[in-house]
PDB file of all heavy atoms in Angstrom:
ATOM      1  N   ILE A   1     163.917  27.208  54.212  1.00  0.00           N
ATOM      2  CA  ILE A   1     164.929  26.374  53.578  1.00  0.00           C
ATOM      3  C   ILE A   1     164.416  25.929  52.211  1.00  0.00           C
ATOM      4  O   ILE A   1     163.294  25.427  52.099  1.00  0.00           O
ATOM      5  CB  ILE A   1     165.235  25.138  54.439  1.00  0.00           C
ATOM      6  CG1 ILE A   1     165.834  25.574  55.791  1.00  0.00           C
ATOM      7  CG2 ILE A   1     166.203  24.199  53.723  1.00  0.00           C
ATOM      8  CD1 ILE A   1     165.980  24.430  56.771  1.00  0.00           C
ATOM      9  N   TRP A   2     165.221  26.152  51.192  1.00  0.00           N
ATOM     10  CA  TRP A   2     164.859  25.687  49.844  1.00  0.00           C
ATOM     11  C   TRP A   2     165.791  24.557  49.450  1.00  0.00           C
ATOM     12  O   TRP A   2     167.014  24.708  49.429  1.00  0.00           O
ATOM     13  CB  TRP A   2     164.952  26.837  48.848  1.00  0.00           C
ATOM     14  CG  TRP A   2     164.778  26.397  47.411  1.00  0.00           C
ATOM     15  CD1 TRP A   2     163.937  25.437  46.949  1.00  0.00           C
ATOM     16  CD2 TRP A   2     165.479  26.897  46.270  1.00  0.00           C
ATOM     17  NE1 TRP A   2     164.038  25.306  45.584  1.00  0.00           N
ATOM     18  CE2 TRP A   2     164.986  26.192  45.134  1.00  0.00           C
ATOM     19  CE3 TRP A   2     166.454  27.869  46.093  1.00  0.00           C
ATOM     20  CZ2 TRP A   2     165.454  26.453  43.851  1.00  0.00           C
ATOM     21  CZ3 TRP A   2     166.916  28.129  44.816  1.00  0.00           C
ATOM     22  CH2 TRP A   2     166.416  27.418  43.705  1.00  0.00           C
ATOM     23  N   GLN A   3     165.192  23.399  49.149  1.00  0.00           N
ATOM     24  CA  GLN A   3     165.930  22.257  48.633  1.00  0.00           C
ATOM     25  C   GLN A   3     165.724  22.216  47.107  1.00  0.00           C
ATOM     26  O   GLN A   3     164.654  21.827  46.631  1.00  0.00           O
ATOM     27  CB  GLN A   3     165.411  20.952  49.254  1.00  0.00           C
ATOM     28  CG  GLN A   3     165.553  20.878  50.755  1.00  0.00           C
ATOM     29  CD  GLN A   3     166.987  20.596  51.187  1.00  0.00           C
ATOM     30  OE1 GLN A   3     167.865  20.353  50.352  1.00  0.00           O
ATOM     31  NE2 GLN A   3     167.237  20.638  52.479  1.00  0.00           N
ATOM     32  N   PRO A   4     166.724  22.624  46.318  1.00  0.00           N
ATOM     33  CA  PRO A   4     166.552  22.709  44.853  1.00  0.00           C
ATOM     34  C   PRO A   4     166.671  21.343  44.170  1.00  0.00           C
ATOM     35  O   PRO A   4     167.668  21.043  43.504  1.00  0.00           O
ATOM     36  CB  PRO A   4     167.672  23.658  44.433  1.00  0.00           C
ATOM     37  CG  PRO A   4     168.735  23.460  45.467  1.00  0.00           C
ATOM     38  CD  PRO A   4     168.036  23.147  46.751  1.00  0.00           C
ATOM     39  N   ARG A   5     165.654  20.548  44.317  1.00  0.00           N
ATOM     40  CA  ARG A   5     165.654  19.190  43.757  1.00  0.00           C
ATOM     41  C   ARG A   5     164.217  18.708  43.647  1.00  0.00           C
ATOM     42  O   ARG A   5     163.279  19.391  44.086  1.00  0.00           O
ATOM     43  CB  ARG A   5     166.460  18.236  44.650  1.00  0.00           C
ATOM     44  CG  ARG A   5     165.964  18.197  46.091  1.00  0.00           C
ATOM     45  CD  ARG A   5     166.641  17.106  46.904  1.00  0.00           C
ATOM     46  NE  ARG A   5     166.275  17.177  48.305  1.00  0.00           N
ATOM     47  CZ  ARG A   5     165.145  16.726  48.815  1.00  0.00           C
ATOM     48  NH1 ARG A   5     164.215  16.201  48.013  1.00  0.00           N
ATOM     49  NH2 ARG A   5     164.898  16.816  50.112  1.00  0.00           N
ATOM     50  N   THR A   6     164.047  17.495  43.088  1.00  0.00           N
ATOM     51  CA  THR A   6     162.719  16.894  43.014  1.00  0.00           C
ATOM     52  C   THR A   6     162.332  16.293  44.365  1.00  0.00           C
ATOM     53  O   THR A   6     163.180  16.040  45.225  1.00  0.00           O
ATOM     54  CB  THR A   6     162.676  15.808  41.929  1.00  0.00           C
ATOM     55  OG1 THR A   6     163.660  14.804  42.236  1.00  0.00           O
ATOM     56  CG2 THR A   6     162.951  16.403  40.556  1.00  0.00           C
ATOM     57  N   TYR A   7     161.053  16.034  44.508  1.00  0.00           N
ATOM     58  CA  TYR A   7     160.503  15.515  45.764  1.00  0.00           C
ATOM     59  C   TYR A   7     160.929  14.061  45.993  1.00  0.00           C
ATOM     60  O   TYR A   7     161.020  13.249  45.063  1.00  0.00           O
ATOM     61  CB  TYR A   7     158.970  15.614  45.720  1.00  0.00           C
ATOM     62  CG  TYR A   7     158.272  14.819  46.801  1.00  0.00           C
ATOM     63  CD1 TYR A   7     158.232  15.294  48.106  1.00  0.00           C
ATOM     64  CD2 TYR A   7     157.669  13.594  46.504  1.00  0.00           C
ATOM     65  CE1 TYR A   7     157.607  14.564  49.106  1.00  0.00           C
ATOM     66  CE2 TYR A   7     157.038  12.862  47.498  1.00  0.00           C
ATOM     67  CZ  TYR A   7     157.018  13.341  48.794  1.00  0.00           C
ATOM     68  OH  TYR A   7     156.407  12.613  49.782  1.00  0.00           O
ATOM     69  N   ARG A   8     161.182  13.723  47.286  1.00  0.00           N
ATOM     70  CA  ARG A   8     161.434  12.345  47.711  1.00  0.00           C
ATOM     71  C   ARG A   8     160.435  11.996  48.808  1.00  0.00           C
ATOM     72  O   ARG A   8     160.035  12.876  49.598  1.00  0.00           O
ATOM     73  CB  ARG A   8     162.852  12.185  48.259  1.00  0.00           C
ATOM     74  CG  ARG A   8     163.967  12.468  47.258  1.00  0.00           C
ATOM     75  CD  ARG A   8     165.308  11.972  47.797  1.00  0.00           C
ATOM     76  NE  ARG A   8     165.609  12.514  49.119  1.00  0.00           N
ATOM     77  CZ  ARG A   8     166.577  13.417  49.353  1.00  0.00           C
ATOM     78  NH1 ARG A   8     167.311  13.865  48.342  1.00  0.00           N
ATOM     79  NH2 ARG A   8     166.802  13.825  50.573  1.00  0.00           N
ATOM     80  N   SER A   9     160.065  10.721  48.895  1.00  0.00           N
ATOM     81  CA  SER A   9     159.057  10.304  49.870  1.00  0.00           C
ATOM     82  C   SER A   9     159.472  10.597  51.299  1.00  0.00           C
ATOM     83  O   SER A   9     158.622  10.880  52.164  1.00  0.00           O
ATOM     84  CB  SER A   9     158.756   8.805  49.716  1.00  0.00           C
ATOM     85  OG  SER A   9     158.129   8.553  48.478  1.00  0.00           O
ATOM     86  N   ASP A  10     160.791  10.540  51.585  1.00  0.00           N
ATOM     87  CA  ASP A  10     161.207  10.790  52.969  1.00  0.00           C
ATOM     88  C   ASP A  10     161.163  12.274  53.345  1.00  0.00           C
ATOM     89  O   ASP A  10     161.442  12.634  54.495  1.00  0.00           O
ATOM     90  CB  ASP A  10     162.602  10.215  53.228  1.00  0.00           C
ATOM     91  CG  ASP A  10     163.670  10.823  52.328  1.00  0.00           C
ATOM     92  OD1 ASP A  10     163.338  11.692  51.501  1.00  0.00           O
ATOM     93  OD2 ASP A  10     164.845  10.403  52.463  1.00  0.00           O
ATOM     94  N   ASP A  11     160.789  13.151  52.382  1.00  0.00           N
ATOM     95  CA  ASP A  11     160.647  14.577  52.716  1.00  0.00           C
ATOM     96  C   ASP A  11     159.530  14.821  53.728  1.00  0.00           C
ATOM     97  O   ASP A  11     159.547  15.839  54.440  1.00  0.00           O
ATOM     98  CB  ASP A  11     160.385  15.407  51.454  1.00  0.00           C
ATOM     99  CG  ASP A  11     161.629  15.579  50.594  1.00  0.00           C
ATOM    100  OD1 ASP A  11     162.743  15.610  51.166  1.00  0.00           O
ATOM    101  OD2 ASP A  11     161.482  15.669  49.365  1.00  0.00           O
ATOM    102  N   VAL A  12     158.543  13.916  53.792  1.00  0.00           N
ATOM    103  CA  VAL A  12     157.430  14.132  54.726  1.00  0.00           C
ATOM    104  C   VAL A  12     157.762  13.623  56.127  1.00  0.00           C
ATOM    105  O   VAL A  12     156.975  13.826  57.051  1.00  0.00           O
ATOM    106  CB  VAL A  12     156.130  13.459  54.219  1.00  0.00           C
ATOM    107  CG1 VAL A  12     155.737  14.021  52.874  1.00  0.00           C
ATOM    108  CG2 VAL A  12     156.285  11.962  54.171  1.00  0.00           C
ATOM    109  N   ASP A  13     158.914  12.986  56.310  1.00  0.00           N
ATOM    110  CA  ASP A  13     159.278  12.460  57.620  1.00  0.00           C
ATOM    111  C   ASP A  13     159.407  13.602  58.640  1.00  0.00           C
ATOM    112  O   ASP A  13     160.146  14.574  58.408  1.00  0.00           O
ATOM    113  CB  ASP A  13     160.601  11.691  57.562  1.00  0.00           C
ATOM    114  CG  ASP A  13     160.499  10.402  56.747  1.00  0.00           C
ATOM    115  OD1 ASP A  13     159.364  10.010  56.429  1.00  0.00           O
ATOM    116  OD2 ASP A  13     161.552   9.825  56.434  1.00  0.00           O
ATOM    117  N   GLY A  14     158.691  13.499  59.726  1.00  0.00           N
ATOM    118  CA  GLY A  14     158.857  14.443  60.835  1.00  0.00           C
ATOM    119  C   GLY A  14     158.169  15.777  60.672  1.00  0.00           C
ATOM    120  O   GLY A  14     158.318  16.651  61.532  1.00  0.00           O
ATOM    121  N   VAL A  15     157.426  15.994  59.591  1.00  0.00           N
ATOM    122  CA  VAL A  15     156.755  17.288  59.427  1.00  0.00           C
ATOM    123  C   VAL A  15     155.340  17.221  59.991  1.00  0.00           C
ATOM    124  O   VAL A  15     154.761  16.141  60.175  1.00  0.00           O
ATOM    125  CB  VAL A  15     156.719  17.731  57.950  1.00  0.00           C
ATOM    126  CG1 VAL A  15     158.127  17.815  57.388  1.00  0.00           C
ATOM    127  CG2 VAL A  15     155.849  16.805  57.116  1.00  0.00           C
ATOM    128  N   TRP A  16     154.786  18.374  60.272  1.00  0.00           N
ATOM    129  CA  TRP A  16     153.442  18.461  60.854  1.00  0.00           C
ATOM    130  C   TRP A  16     152.368  18.728  59.803  1.00  0.00           C
ATOM    131  O   TRP A  16     151.198  18.460  60.028  1.00  0.00           O
ATOM    132  CB  TRP A  16     153.406  19.589  61.890  1.00  0.00           C
ATOM    133  CG  TRP A  16     154.061  19.258  63.184  1.00  0.00           C
ATOM    134  CD1 TRP A  16     155.406  19.089  63.398  1.00  0.00           C
ATOM    135  CD2 TRP A  16     153.429  19.027  64.431  1.00  0.00           C
ATOM    136  NE1 TRP A  16     155.651  18.781  64.706  1.00  0.00           N
ATOM    137  CE2 TRP A  16     154.449  18.735  65.382  1.00  0.00           C
ATOM    138  CE3 TRP A  16     152.115  19.037  64.868  1.00  0.00           C
ATOM    139  CZ2 TRP A  16     154.180  18.472  66.715  1.00  0.00           C
ATOM    140  CZ3 TRP A  16     151.843  18.782  66.199  1.00  0.00           C
ATOM    141  CH2 TRP A  16     152.867  18.486  67.104  1.00  0.00           C
ATOM    142  N   PHE A  17     152.791  19.294  58.680  1.00  0.00           N
ATOM    143  CA  PHE A  17     151.809  19.757  57.691  1.00  0.00           C
ATOM    144  C   PHE A  17     152.498  19.820  56.342  1.00  0.00           C
ATOM    145  O   PHE A  17     153.685  20.172  56.250  1.00  0.00           O
ATOM    146  CB  PHE A  17     151.272  21.129  58.098  1.00  0.00           C
ATOM    147  CG  PHE A  17     150.221  21.693  57.193  1.00  0.00           C
ATOM    148  CD1 PHE A  17     148.900  21.288  57.296  1.00  0.00           C
ATOM    149  CD2 PHE A  17     150.547  22.644  56.231  1.00  0.00           C
ATOM    150  CE1 PHE A  17     147.930  21.816  56.458  1.00  0.00           C
ATOM    151  CE2 PHE A  17     149.584  23.170  55.400  1.00  0.00           C
ATOM    152  CZ  PHE A  17     148.266  22.747  55.512  1.00  0.00           C
ATOM    153  N   VAL A  18     151.751  19.475  55.284  1.00  0.00           N
ATOM    154  CA  VAL A  18     152.302  19.464  53.928  1.00  0.00           C
ATOM    155  C   VAL A  18     151.384  20.246  52.997  1.00  0.00           C
ATOM    156  O   VAL A  18     150.148  20.131  53.074  1.00  0.00           O
ATOM    157  CB  VAL A  18     152.469  18.022  53.402  1.00  0.00           C
ATOM    158  CG1 VAL A  18     153.003  18.039  51.963  1.00  0.00           C
ATOM    159  CG2 VAL A  18     153.397  17.219  54.298  1.00  0.00           C
ATOM    160  N   GLN A  19     151.991  21.026  52.118  1.00  0.00           N
ATOM    161  CA  GLN A  19     151.265  21.743  51.073  1.00  0.00           C
ATOM    162  C   GLN A  19     151.881  21.374  49.732  1.00  0.00           C
ATOM    163  O   GLN A  19     153.080  21.568  49.508  1.00  0.00           O
ATOM    164  CB  GLN A  19     151.373  23.251  51.269  1.00  0.00           C
ATOM    165  CG  GLN A  19     150.877  24.084  50.083  1.00  0.00           C
ATOM    166  CD  GLN A  19     149.363  24.118  49.977  1.00  0.00           C
ATOM    167  OE1 GLN A  19     148.687  24.517  50.906  1.00  0.00           O
ATOM    168  NE2 GLN A  19     148.832  23.703  48.824  1.00  0.00           N
ATOM    169  N   THR A  20     151.072  20.776  48.827  1.00  0.00           N
ATOM    170  CA  THR A  20     151.558  20.512  47.482  1.00  0.00           C
ATOM    171  C   THR A  20     151.172  21.662  46.565  1.00  0.00           C
ATOM    172  O   THR A  20     150.070  22.205  46.667  1.00  0.00           O
ATOM    173  CB  THR A  20     150.984  19.202  46.912  1.00  0.00           C
ATOM    174  OG1 THR A  20     149.628  19.417  46.514  1.00  0.00           O
ATOM    175  CG2 THR A  20     151.047  18.086  47.926  1.00  0.00           C
ATOM    176  N   ALA A  21     152.082  22.025  45.680  1.00  0.00           N
ATOM    177  CA  ALA A  21     151.800  23.115  44.740  1.00  0.00           C
ATOM    178  C   ALA A  21     152.757  23.013  43.561  1.00  0.00           C
ATOM    179  O   ALA A  21     153.332  24.013  43.121  1.00  0.00           O
ATOM    180  CB  ALA A  21     151.936  24.465  45.443  1.00  0.00           C
ATOM    181  N   THR A  22     152.929  21.802  43.027  1.00  0.00           N
ATOM    182  CA  THR A  22     153.868  21.623  41.918  1.00  0.00           C
ATOM    183  C   THR A  22     153.265  21.963  40.572  1.00  0.00           C
ATOM    184  O   THR A  22     153.976  22.250  39.610  1.00  0.00           O
ATOM    185  CB  THR A  22     154.368  20.169  41.864  1.00  0.00           C
ATOM    186  OG1 THR A  22     153.279  19.303  41.505  1.00  0.00           O
ATOM    187  CG2 THR A  22     154.957  19.744  43.202  1.00  0.00           C
ATOM    188  N   GLY A  23     151.932  21.902  40.465  1.00  0.00           N
ATOM    189  CA  GLY A  23     151.276  22.060  39.177  1.00  0.00           C
ATOM    190  C   GLY A  23     151.229  20.770  38.388  1.00  0.00           C
ATOM    191  O   GLY A  23     150.631  20.727  37.304  1.00  0.00           O
ATOM    192  N   ASP A  24     151.820  19.718  38.920  1.00  0.00           N
ATOM    193  CA  ASP A  24     151.812  18.405  38.271  1.00  0.00           C
ATOM    194  C   ASP A  24     150.938  17.483  39.113  1.00  0.00           C
ATOM    195  O   ASP A  24     151.337  17.075  40.215  1.00  0.00           O
ATOM    196  CB  ASP A  24     153.227  17.854  38.181  1.00  0.00           C
ATOM    197  CG  ASP A  24     153.310  16.530  37.420  1.00  0.00           C
ATOM    198  OD1 ASP A  24     152.303  15.793  37.387  1.00  0.00           O
ATOM    199  OD2 ASP A  24     154.393  16.234  36.882  1.00  0.00           O
ATOM    200  N   PRO A  25     149.722  17.115  38.635  1.00  0.00           N
ATOM    201  CA  PRO A  25     148.815  16.301  39.449  1.00  0.00           C
ATOM    202  C   PRO A  25     149.434  14.985  39.898  1.00  0.00           C
ATOM    203  O   PRO A  25     149.161  14.521  41.011  1.00  0.00           O
ATOM    204  CB  PRO A  25     147.618  16.073  38.518  1.00  0.00           C
ATOM    205  CG  PRO A  25     147.650  17.226  37.570  1.00  0.00           C
ATOM    206  CD  PRO A  25     149.088  17.530  37.359  1.00  0.00           C
ATOM    207  N   ALA A  26     150.256  14.380  39.083  1.00  0.00           N
ATOM    208  CA  ALA A  26     150.850  13.093  39.461  1.00  0.00           C
ATOM    209  C   ALA A  26     151.775  13.263  40.659  1.00  0.00           C
ATOM    210  O   ALA A  26     151.756  12.455  41.609  1.00  0.00           O
ATOM    211  CB  ALA A  26     151.605  12.508  38.274  1.00  0.00           C
ATOM    212  N   VAL A  27     152.604  14.318  40.640  1.00  0.00           N
ATOM    213  CA  VAL A  27     153.512  14.554  41.769  1.00  0.00           C
ATOM    214  C   VAL A  27     152.727  14.928  43.018  1.00  0.00           C
ATOM    215  O   VAL A  27     152.992  14.431  44.114  1.00  0.00           O
ATOM    216  CB  VAL A  27     154.536  15.643  41.416  1.00  0.00           C
ATOM    217  CG1 VAL A  27     155.418  15.963  42.626  1.00  0.00           C
ATOM    218  CG2 VAL A  27     155.391  15.220  40.235  1.00  0.00           C
ATOM    219  N   ASP A  28     151.735  15.799  42.858  1.00  0.00           N
ATOM    220  CA  ASP A  28     150.935  16.216  44.009  1.00  0.00           C
ATOM    221  C   ASP A  28     150.215  15.024  44.637  1.00  0.00           C
ATOM    222  O   ASP A  28     150.136  14.910  45.863  1.00  0.00           O
ATOM    223  CB  ASP A  28     149.918  17.284  43.588  1.00  0.00           C
ATOM    224  CG  ASP A  28     150.571  18.645  43.349  1.00  0.00           C
ATOM    225  OD1 ASP A  28     151.775  18.778  43.642  1.00  0.00           O
ATOM    226  OD2 ASP A  28     149.870  19.566  42.885  1.00  0.00           O
ATOM    227  N   THR A  29     149.709  14.132  43.793  1.00  0.00           N
ATOM    228  CA  THR A  29     149.026  12.946  44.311  1.00  0.00           C
ATOM    229  C   THR A  29     149.993  12.043  45.073  1.00  0.00           C
ATOM    230  O   THR A  29     149.656  11.479  46.117  1.00  0.00           O
ATOM    231  CB  THR A  29     148.364  12.180  43.156  1.00  0.00           C
ATOM    232  OG1 THR A  29     147.399  13.019  42.529  1.00  0.00           O
ATOM    233  CG2 THR A  29     147.683  10.919  43.664  1.00  0.00           C
TER     234      THR A  29
END
């Protein structure tokens, strides 16, 4: 599933694992 938008904090709700790869250190942090 591709969500064509910027990241929101509630995106991590209910997931088991997260991989950041935006290329923007501030967003990844």
